[in-house]
């Protein structure tokens, strides 16, 4: 698949089903891109679909099955969007650090592929209110999922996986 250059082509990419509960469209939304008029579209849609499918099937679907609906705060980031966010201090790493992470269609320095999403799990958020309660979810992920990295944030106990 070529990089979408029309509304119809982007619509077609957005309708690609990555797993039972997730579509590519779920992963393309970006407040940074939207408010600053940037296109958050993969240059290599096939690689983005491949890595996004692995993320959704291997990590997000099991989370969804155990804890309920997953809210994607940030999924795919185009290199221009990520670089803009990094430069402006919007909690985006450098493109080199984010390749094979939020930038799904760019291999990292070692040539590896990967995908990352920042998610919130409302079902978990509603169950646990004590300080440090996020550790329960972190341990569940550690014990049950084949993740590479996991970073928790204080707002809504969002995390990168």
N, C-alpha and C. Protein backbone atom coordinates (compact mmCIF):
# COMPACT_ATOMS: atom_id res chain seq x y z
N UNK A 1 0.85 -1.18 0.00
CA UNK A 1 0.00 0.00 0.00
C UNK A 1 0.90 1.24 0.00
N UNK A 2 0.56 2.21 -0.84
CA UNK A 2 1.32 3.46 -0.89
C UNK A 2 0.80 4.43 0.17
N UNK A 3 1.62 5.43 0.50
CA UNK A 3 1.21 6.46 1.44
C UNK A 3 -0.04 7.14 0.90
N UNK A 4 -1.08 7.24 1.71
CA UNK A 4 -2.32 7.90 1.25
C UNK A 4 -2.09 9.37 0.91
N UNK A 5 -2.62 9.77 -0.24
CA UNK A 5 -2.52 11.17 -0.66
C UNK A 5 -3.88 11.76 -0.98
N UNK A 6 -4.93 11.02 -0.64
CA UNK A 6 -6.29 11.52 -0.85
C UNK A 6 -7.14 11.10 0.34
N UNK A 7 -8.28 11.74 0.50
CA UNK A 7 -9.20 11.39 1.57
C UNK A 7 -9.64 9.94 1.43
N UNK A 8 -9.95 9.52 0.21
CA UNK A 8 -10.39 8.13 0.00
C UNK A 8 -9.30 7.14 0.40
N UNK A 9 -8.06 7.42 0.03
CA UNK A 9 -6.96 6.52 0.37
C UNK A 9 -6.72 6.49 1.88
N UNK A 10 -6.81 7.65 2.55
CA UNK A 10 -6.64 7.68 4.00
C UNK A 10 -7.80 6.98 4.69
N UNK A 11 -9.00 7.13 4.16
CA UNK A 11 -10.16 6.43 4.69
C UNK A 11 -9.95 4.91 4.59
N UNK A 12 -9.42 4.47 3.46
CA UNK A 12 -9.16 3.03 3.26
C UNK A 12 -8.13 2.54 4.29
N UNK A 13 -7.07 3.30 4.52
CA UNK A 13 -6.06 2.93 5.52
C UNK A 13 -6.70 2.89 6.91
N UNK A 14 -7.52 3.87 7.23
CA UNK A 14 -8.17 3.92 8.54
C UNK A 14 -9.08 2.74 8.79
N UNK A 15 -9.62 2.15 7.74
CA UNK A 15 -10.54 1.01 7.88
C UNK A 15 -9.82 -0.33 8.01
N UNK A 16 -8.49 -0.33 7.92
CA UNK A 16 -7.74 -1.57 8.10
C UNK A 16 -7.91 -2.03 9.55
N UNK A 17 -8.36 -3.27 9.68
CA UNK A 17 -8.59 -3.84 11.01
C UNK A 17 -7.28 -4.45 11.49
N UNK A 18 -6.77 -3.93 12.61
CA UNK A 18 -5.52 -4.43 13.18
C UNK A 18 -5.75 -5.64 14.08
N UNK A 19 -6.93 -5.73 14.67
CA UNK A 19 -7.29 -6.85 15.55
C UNK A 19 -8.80 -6.80 15.77
N UNK A 20 -9.29 -7.66 16.63
CA UNK A 20 -10.74 -7.74 16.85
C UNK A 20 -11.35 -6.40 17.23
N UNK A 21 -10.70 -5.64 18.10
CA UNK A 21 -11.27 -4.40 18.62
C UNK A 21 -10.61 -3.12 18.12
N UNK A 22 -9.57 -3.21 17.30
CA UNK A 22 -8.82 -2.01 16.93
C UNK A 22 -8.65 -1.89 15.42
N UNK A 23 -8.84 -0.68 14.93
CA UNK A 23 -8.64 -0.33 13.54
C UNK A 23 -7.49 0.67 13.45
N UNK A 24 -6.91 0.79 12.28
CA UNK A 24 -5.82 1.75 12.08
C UNK A 24 -6.27 3.17 12.44
N UNK A 25 -7.53 3.48 12.14
CA UNK A 25 -8.06 4.81 12.43
C UNK A 25 -7.88 5.16 13.93
N UNK A 26 -8.06 4.17 14.81
CA UNK A 26 -7.90 4.38 16.25
C UNK A 26 -6.49 4.86 16.59
N UNK A 27 -5.54 4.48 15.77
CA UNK A 27 -4.13 4.75 16.07
C UNK A 27 -3.60 6.03 15.42
N UNK A 28 -4.36 6.62 14.51
CA UNK A 28 -3.86 7.78 13.76
C UNK A 28 -4.20 9.12 14.39
N UNK A 29 -5.11 9.15 15.35
CA UNK A 29 -5.48 10.44 15.95
C UNK A 29 -4.32 11.02 16.74
N UNK A 30 -4.08 12.31 16.57
CA UNK A 30 -3.04 13.02 17.30
C UNK A 30 -3.50 14.46 17.53
N UNK A 31 -3.60 14.84 18.79
CA UNK A 31 -3.95 16.23 19.10
C UNK A 31 -2.90 17.18 18.56
N UNK A 32 -1.62 16.80 18.68
CA UNK A 32 -0.53 17.64 18.18
C UNK A 32 -0.70 17.87 16.69
N UNK A 33 -0.92 16.80 15.94
CA UNK A 33 -1.09 16.93 14.48
C UNK A 33 -2.34 17.74 14.16
N UNK A 34 -3.42 17.46 14.86
CA UNK A 34 -4.69 18.12 14.56
C UNK A 34 -4.61 19.63 14.79
N UNK A 35 -4.12 20.03 15.94
CA UNK A 35 -4.13 21.46 16.29
C UNK A 35 -3.08 22.25 15.50
N UNK A 36 -2.02 21.57 15.06
CA UNK A 36 -0.95 22.27 14.34
C UNK A 36 -0.98 21.99 12.84
N UNK A 37 -2.03 21.35 12.34
CA UNK A 37 -2.20 21.14 10.91
C UNK A 37 -1.19 20.21 10.28
N UNK A 38 -0.76 19.20 11.01
CA UNK A 38 0.21 18.23 10.49
C UNK A 38 -0.51 16.94 10.09
N UNK A 39 0.02 16.28 9.08
CA UNK A 39 -0.55 15.00 8.64
C UNK A 39 0.10 13.87 9.42
N UNK A 40 -0.70 13.10 10.14
CA UNK A 40 -0.19 11.95 10.89
C UNK A 40 -0.48 10.68 10.09
N UNK A 41 0.28 10.53 8.99
CA UNK A 41 0.06 9.45 8.03
C UNK A 41 1.38 8.71 7.82
N UNK A 42 1.36 7.38 7.89
CA UNK A 42 2.61 6.63 7.69
C UNK A 42 3.14 6.74 6.26
N UNK A 43 4.47 6.85 6.15
CA UNK A 43 5.12 6.81 4.84
C UNK A 43 5.12 5.39 4.30
N UNK A 44 5.18 4.40 5.20
CA UNK A 44 5.19 2.99 4.82
C UNK A 44 3.98 2.32 5.48
N UNK A 45 2.79 2.46 4.89
CA UNK A 45 1.59 1.91 5.51
C UNK A 45 1.67 0.41 5.78
N UNK A 46 2.31 -0.35 4.89
CA UNK A 46 2.39 -1.79 5.09
C UNK A 46 3.16 -2.14 6.37
N UNK A 47 4.28 -1.47 6.61
CA UNK A 47 5.04 -1.72 7.83
C UNK A 47 4.26 -1.25 9.05
N UNK A 48 3.58 -0.11 8.94
CA UNK A 48 2.77 0.38 10.06
C UNK A 48 1.64 -0.61 10.38
N UNK A 49 1.02 -1.16 9.37
CA UNK A 49 -0.05 -2.15 9.58
C UNK A 49 0.52 -3.41 10.21
N UNK A 50 1.64 -3.87 9.72
CA UNK A 50 2.27 -5.08 10.26
C UNK A 50 2.61 -4.91 11.74
N UNK A 51 3.30 -3.83 12.07
CA UNK A 51 3.71 -3.65 13.47
C UNK A 51 2.52 -3.30 14.35
N UNK A 52 1.57 -2.52 13.82
CA UNK A 52 0.37 -2.19 14.58
C UNK A 52 -0.48 -3.41 14.87
N UNK A 53 -0.53 -4.33 13.93
CA UNK A 53 -1.28 -5.57 14.13
C UNK A 53 -0.66 -6.38 15.27
N UNK A 54 0.65 -6.47 15.29
CA UNK A 54 1.32 -7.21 16.38
C UNK A 54 1.03 -6.55 17.72
N UNK A 55 1.10 -5.22 17.78
CA UNK A 55 0.81 -4.49 19.02
C UNK A 55 -0.60 -4.80 19.50
N UNK A 56 -1.55 -4.70 18.60
CA UNK A 56 -2.94 -4.90 18.97
C UNK A 56 -3.24 -6.34 19.35
N UNK A 57 -2.79 -7.29 18.53
CA UNK A 57 -3.09 -8.69 18.81
C UNK A 57 -2.35 -9.22 20.03
N UNK A 58 -1.07 -8.87 20.18
CA UNK A 58 -0.25 -9.43 21.25
C UNK A 58 -0.40 -8.72 22.58
N UNK A 59 -0.74 -7.42 22.56
CA UNK A 59 -0.74 -6.64 23.80
C UNK A 59 -2.10 -6.02 24.13
N UNK A 60 -2.67 -5.29 23.18
CA UNK A 60 -3.90 -4.56 23.50
C UNK A 60 -5.11 -5.48 23.64
N UNK A 61 -5.21 -6.49 22.80
CA UNK A 61 -6.35 -7.41 22.91
C UNK A 61 -6.35 -8.18 24.24
N UNK A 62 -5.21 -8.72 24.70
CA UNK A 62 -5.21 -9.37 26.01
C UNK A 62 -5.54 -8.40 27.15
N UNK A 63 -5.06 -7.16 27.05
CA UNK A 63 -5.44 -6.15 28.05
C UNK A 63 -6.94 -5.92 28.03
N UNK A 64 -7.49 -5.80 26.83
CA UNK A 64 -8.92 -5.59 26.67
C UNK A 64 -9.72 -6.77 27.22
N UNK A 65 -9.24 -7.99 26.98
CA UNK A 65 -9.94 -9.18 27.46
C UNK A 65 -9.95 -9.24 28.99
N UNK A 66 -8.87 -8.82 29.63
CA UNK A 66 -8.77 -8.90 31.09
C UNK A 66 -9.41 -7.71 31.79
N UNK A 67 -9.19 -6.49 31.28
CA UNK A 67 -9.56 -5.28 32.01
C UNK A 67 -10.71 -4.51 31.39
N UNK A 68 -11.14 -4.88 30.20
CA UNK A 68 -12.18 -4.12 29.52
C UNK A 68 -11.60 -3.13 28.53
N UNK A 69 -12.44 -2.29 28.03
CA UNK A 69 -12.10 -1.33 26.95
C UNK A 69 -10.78 -0.61 27.20
N UNK A 70 -9.99 -0.52 26.15
CA UNK A 70 -8.72 0.20 26.15
C UNK A 70 -8.92 1.52 25.42
N UNK A 71 -8.45 2.61 26.00
CA UNK A 71 -8.50 3.92 25.34
C UNK A 71 -7.09 4.25 24.85
N UNK A 72 -6.96 4.43 23.55
CA UNK A 72 -5.66 4.78 22.96
C UNK A 72 -5.50 6.29 23.03
N UNK A 73 -4.52 6.75 23.78
CA UNK A 73 -4.23 8.19 23.88
C UNK A 73 -3.29 8.63 22.75
N UNK A 74 -2.34 7.75 22.41
CA UNK A 74 -1.40 8.05 21.34
C UNK A 74 -0.92 6.72 20.78
N UNK A 75 -1.13 6.53 19.48
CA UNK A 75 -0.66 5.31 18.84
C UNK A 75 0.45 5.65 17.87
N UNK A 76 0.15 5.55 16.59
CA UNK A 76 1.13 5.87 15.56
C UNK A 76 1.43 7.37 15.54
N UNK A 77 2.72 7.69 15.34
CA UNK A 77 3.13 9.09 15.11
C UNK A 77 4.01 9.14 13.88
N UNK A 78 3.63 10.00 12.95
CA UNK A 78 4.49 10.26 11.79
C UNK A 78 5.76 10.95 12.28
N UNK A 79 6.90 10.72 11.62
CA UNK A 79 8.15 11.35 12.06
C UNK A 79 8.04 12.88 12.21
N UNK A 80 7.35 13.55 11.28
CA UNK A 80 7.21 15.01 11.38
C UNK A 80 6.40 15.41 12.61
N UNK A 81 5.36 14.65 12.92
CA UNK A 81 4.53 14.93 14.10
C UNK A 81 5.33 14.70 15.36
N UNK A 82 6.04 13.59 15.41
CA UNK A 82 6.84 13.28 16.60
C UNK A 82 7.94 14.31 16.82
N UNK A 83 8.65 14.67 15.75
CA UNK A 83 9.72 15.66 15.86
C UNK A 83 9.17 17.01 16.32
N UNK A 84 8.03 17.40 15.79
CA UNK A 84 7.39 18.64 16.21
C UNK A 84 7.05 18.59 17.70
N UNK A 85 6.46 17.47 18.13
CA UNK A 85 6.12 17.31 19.53
C UNK A 85 7.33 17.31 20.44
N UNK A 86 8.41 16.70 19.99
CA UNK A 86 9.64 16.70 20.77
C UNK A 86 10.22 18.10 20.90
N UNK A 87 10.25 18.81 19.79
CA UNK A 87 10.82 20.17 19.77
C UNK A 87 10.02 21.12 20.67
N UNK A 88 8.71 20.92 20.73
CA UNK A 88 7.83 21.79 21.51
C UNK A 88 7.61 21.31 22.94
N UNK A 89 8.22 20.20 23.34
CA UNK A 89 8.08 19.70 24.70
C UNK A 89 6.75 19.03 24.99
N UNK A 90 6.16 18.36 24.00
CA UNK A 90 4.87 17.69 24.15
C UNK A 90 5.01 16.22 24.52
N UNK A 91 5.99 15.87 25.33
CA UNK A 91 6.20 14.50 25.80
C UNK A 91 6.44 13.50 24.68
N UNK A 92 7.12 13.93 23.64
CA UNK A 92 7.52 13.04 22.56
C UNK A 92 9.04 12.89 22.61
N UNK A 93 9.53 11.67 22.50
CA UNK A 93 10.97 11.45 22.44
C UNK A 93 11.51 11.90 21.09
N UNK A 94 12.82 11.82 20.94
CA UNK A 94 13.42 12.12 19.64
C UNK A 94 12.99 11.06 18.64
N UNK A 95 13.05 11.38 17.37
CA UNK A 95 12.69 10.41 16.35
C UNK A 95 13.59 9.17 16.42
N UNK A 96 14.88 9.37 16.71
CA UNK A 96 15.79 8.24 16.82
C UNK A 96 15.36 7.31 17.95
N UNK A 97 14.94 7.88 19.07
CA UNK A 97 14.51 7.09 20.23
C UNK A 97 13.12 6.49 20.01
N UNK A 98 12.30 7.10 19.19
CA UNK A 98 10.91 6.69 19.01
C UNK A 98 10.70 5.78 17.81
N UNK A 99 11.73 5.63 16.95
CA UNK A 99 11.63 4.69 15.83
C UNK A 99 11.38 3.29 16.38
N UNK A 100 10.47 2.56 15.73
CA UNK A 100 10.05 1.22 16.19
C UNK A 100 9.38 1.32 17.55
N UNK A 101 8.90 2.50 17.88
CA UNK A 101 8.08 2.75 19.06
C UNK A 101 6.81 3.42 18.57
N UNK A 102 6.61 4.69 18.89
CA UNK A 102 5.44 5.40 18.35
C UNK A 102 5.53 5.59 16.83
N UNK A 103 6.74 5.62 16.30
CA UNK A 103 6.90 5.71 14.84
C UNK A 103 6.99 4.27 14.33
N UNK A 104 5.85 3.72 13.96
CA UNK A 104 5.73 2.31 13.63
C UNK A 104 6.36 1.94 12.30
N UNK A 105 6.50 2.89 11.40
CA UNK A 105 6.94 2.57 10.04
C UNK A 105 8.39 2.95 9.77
N UNK A 106 9.17 3.11 10.84
CA UNK A 106 10.60 3.36 10.74
C UNK A 106 11.33 2.38 11.65
N UNK A 107 12.31 1.70 11.11
CA UNK A 107 13.09 0.75 11.91
C UNK A 107 14.04 1.51 12.83
N UNK A 108 14.37 0.90 13.97
CA UNK A 108 15.29 1.54 14.90
C UNK A 108 16.73 1.39 14.39
N UNK A 109 17.70 1.90 15.15
CA UNK A 109 19.09 1.91 14.71
C UNK A 109 19.64 0.50 14.46
N UNK A 110 19.06 -0.50 15.11
CA UNK A 110 19.49 -1.89 14.91
C UNK A 110 18.69 -2.59 13.81
N UNK A 111 17.79 -1.88 13.14
CA UNK A 111 17.00 -2.46 12.07
C UNK A 111 15.75 -3.19 12.53
N UNK A 112 15.40 -3.04 13.80
CA UNK A 112 14.23 -3.74 14.34
C UNK A 112 12.95 -2.93 14.08
N UNK A 113 11.84 -3.66 13.99
CA UNK A 113 10.53 -3.04 13.85
C UNK A 113 9.80 -3.12 15.19
N UNK A 114 8.79 -2.30 15.34
CA UNK A 114 7.99 -2.36 16.55
C UNK A 114 6.93 -1.28 16.54
N UNK A 115 6.04 -1.37 17.51
CA UNK A 115 4.97 -0.39 17.66
C UNK A 115 4.70 -0.19 19.14
N UNK A 116 4.31 1.01 19.49
CA UNK A 116 4.00 1.38 20.86
C UNK A 116 2.71 2.20 20.85
N UNK A 117 2.00 2.13 21.94
CA UNK A 117 0.83 2.99 22.11
C UNK A 117 0.80 3.46 23.56
N UNK A 118 0.29 4.66 23.76
CA UNK A 118 -0.01 5.15 25.10
C UNK A 118 -1.48 4.89 25.31
N UNK A 119 -1.79 4.14 26.35
CA UNK A 119 -3.17 3.73 26.60
C UNK A 119 -3.59 4.00 28.03
N UNK A 120 -4.90 4.06 28.21
CA UNK A 120 -5.54 4.13 29.52
C UNK A 120 -6.51 2.97 29.58
N UNK A 121 -6.61 2.35 30.76
CA UNK A 121 -7.52 1.23 30.96
C UNK A 121 -8.57 1.68 31.98
N UNK A 122 -9.71 2.22 31.51
CA UNK A 122 -10.72 2.75 32.43
C UNK A 122 -11.20 1.73 33.46
N UNK A 123 -11.34 0.47 33.08
CA UNK A 123 -11.79 -0.55 34.02
C UNK A 123 -10.83 -0.71 35.18
N UNK A 124 -9.55 -0.60 34.91
CA UNK A 124 -8.55 -0.67 35.98
C UNK A 124 -8.56 0.61 36.80
N UNK A 125 -8.63 1.73 36.11
CA UNK A 125 -8.65 3.04 36.77
C UNK A 125 -9.79 3.13 37.78
N UNK A 126 -10.95 2.56 37.45
CA UNK A 126 -12.11 2.59 38.34
C UNK A 126 -11.96 1.66 39.53
N UNK A 127 -11.14 0.62 39.42
CA UNK A 127 -10.99 -0.37 40.50
C UNK A 127 -9.95 0.02 41.55
N UNK A 128 -8.90 0.71 41.14
CA UNK A 128 -7.76 0.93 42.03
C UNK A 128 -7.54 2.43 42.21
N UNK A 129 -7.61 2.87 43.44
CA UNK A 129 -7.45 4.30 43.70
C UNK A 129 -6.27 4.61 44.62
N UNK A 130 -5.66 3.59 45.24
CA UNK A 130 -4.58 3.86 46.18
C UNK A 130 -3.30 4.30 45.46
N UNK A 131 -2.50 5.07 46.17
CA UNK A 131 -1.21 5.52 45.65
C UNK A 131 -0.37 4.30 45.27
N UNK A 132 0.19 4.32 44.08
CA UNK A 132 1.01 3.20 43.63
C UNK A 132 0.22 2.00 43.15
N UNK A 133 -1.11 2.14 43.08
CA UNK A 133 -1.95 1.03 42.63
C UNK A 133 -1.66 0.58 41.21
N UNK A 134 -1.03 1.44 40.43
CA UNK A 134 -0.67 1.10 39.05
C UNK A 134 0.23 -0.13 38.99
N UNK A 135 0.95 -0.39 40.11
CA UNK A 135 1.86 -1.53 40.13
C UNK A 135 1.13 -2.86 39.89
N UNK A 136 -0.12 -2.94 40.35
CA UNK A 136 -0.90 -4.16 40.15
C UNK A 136 -1.07 -4.44 38.65
N UNK A 137 -1.38 -3.40 37.89
CA UNK A 137 -1.51 -3.55 36.44
C UNK A 137 -0.16 -3.85 35.80
N UNK A 138 0.87 -3.16 36.26
CA UNK A 138 2.22 -3.38 35.72
C UNK A 138 2.65 -4.84 35.93
N UNK A 139 2.39 -5.38 37.11
CA UNK A 139 2.77 -6.78 37.37
C UNK A 139 1.93 -7.74 36.53
N UNK A 140 0.66 -7.43 36.34
CA UNK A 140 -0.17 -8.30 35.50
C UNK A 140 0.40 -8.33 34.09
N UNK A 141 0.74 -7.16 33.55
CA UNK A 141 1.32 -7.08 32.21
C UNK A 141 2.63 -7.87 32.16
N UNK A 142 3.47 -7.66 33.16
CA UNK A 142 4.76 -8.35 33.21
C UNK A 142 4.58 -9.87 33.21
N UNK A 143 3.60 -10.35 33.96
CA UNK A 143 3.39 -11.79 34.09
C UNK A 143 2.67 -12.43 32.91
N UNK A 144 1.95 -11.63 32.10
CA UNK A 144 1.09 -12.21 31.08
C UNK A 144 1.35 -11.79 29.63
N UNK A 145 2.09 -10.71 29.41
CA UNK A 145 2.20 -10.20 28.04
C UNK A 145 3.66 -10.13 27.56
N UNK A 146 3.89 -10.33 26.25
CA UNK A 146 5.24 -10.30 25.69
C UNK A 146 5.67 -8.88 25.29
N UNK A 147 5.68 -7.95 26.24
CA UNK A 147 6.01 -6.56 25.95
C UNK A 147 7.52 -6.36 25.95
N UNK A 148 7.97 -5.27 25.36
CA UNK A 148 9.38 -4.91 25.35
C UNK A 148 9.67 -3.81 26.37
N UNK A 149 8.80 -2.82 26.44
CA UNK A 149 9.00 -1.76 27.43
C UNK A 149 7.64 -1.28 27.94
N UNK A 150 7.67 -0.74 29.14
CA UNK A 150 6.46 -0.33 29.82
C UNK A 150 6.78 0.91 30.65
N UNK A 151 6.06 2.00 30.40
CA UNK A 151 6.27 3.26 31.12
C UNK A 151 4.94 3.78 31.60
N UNK A 152 4.79 3.99 32.90
CA UNK A 152 3.55 4.52 33.46
C UNK A 152 3.66 6.02 33.69
N UNK A 153 2.53 6.72 33.55
CA UNK A 153 2.45 8.15 33.74
C UNK A 153 1.43 8.46 34.83
N UNK A 154 1.57 9.58 35.52
CA UNK A 154 0.66 9.87 36.63
C UNK A 154 -0.77 10.20 36.23
N UNK A 155 -0.98 10.79 35.06
CA UNK A 155 -2.35 11.16 34.66
C UNK A 155 -3.11 9.91 34.21
N UNK A 156 -4.18 9.59 34.91
CA UNK A 156 -5.07 8.47 34.59
C UNK A 156 -4.33 7.14 34.55
N UNK A 157 -3.14 7.07 35.11
CA UNK A 157 -2.32 5.87 35.06
C UNK A 157 -2.16 5.37 33.64
N UNK A 158 -2.03 6.32 32.72
CA UNK A 158 -1.74 5.98 31.33
C UNK A 158 -0.37 5.34 31.28
N UNK A 159 -0.15 4.54 30.26
CA UNK A 159 1.17 3.93 30.11
C UNK A 159 1.49 3.67 28.66
N UNK A 160 2.78 3.65 28.38
CA UNK A 160 3.29 3.24 27.07
C UNK A 160 3.58 1.76 27.13
N UNK A 161 3.12 1.03 26.12
CA UNK A 161 3.44 -0.38 26.02
C UNK A 161 3.84 -0.69 24.58
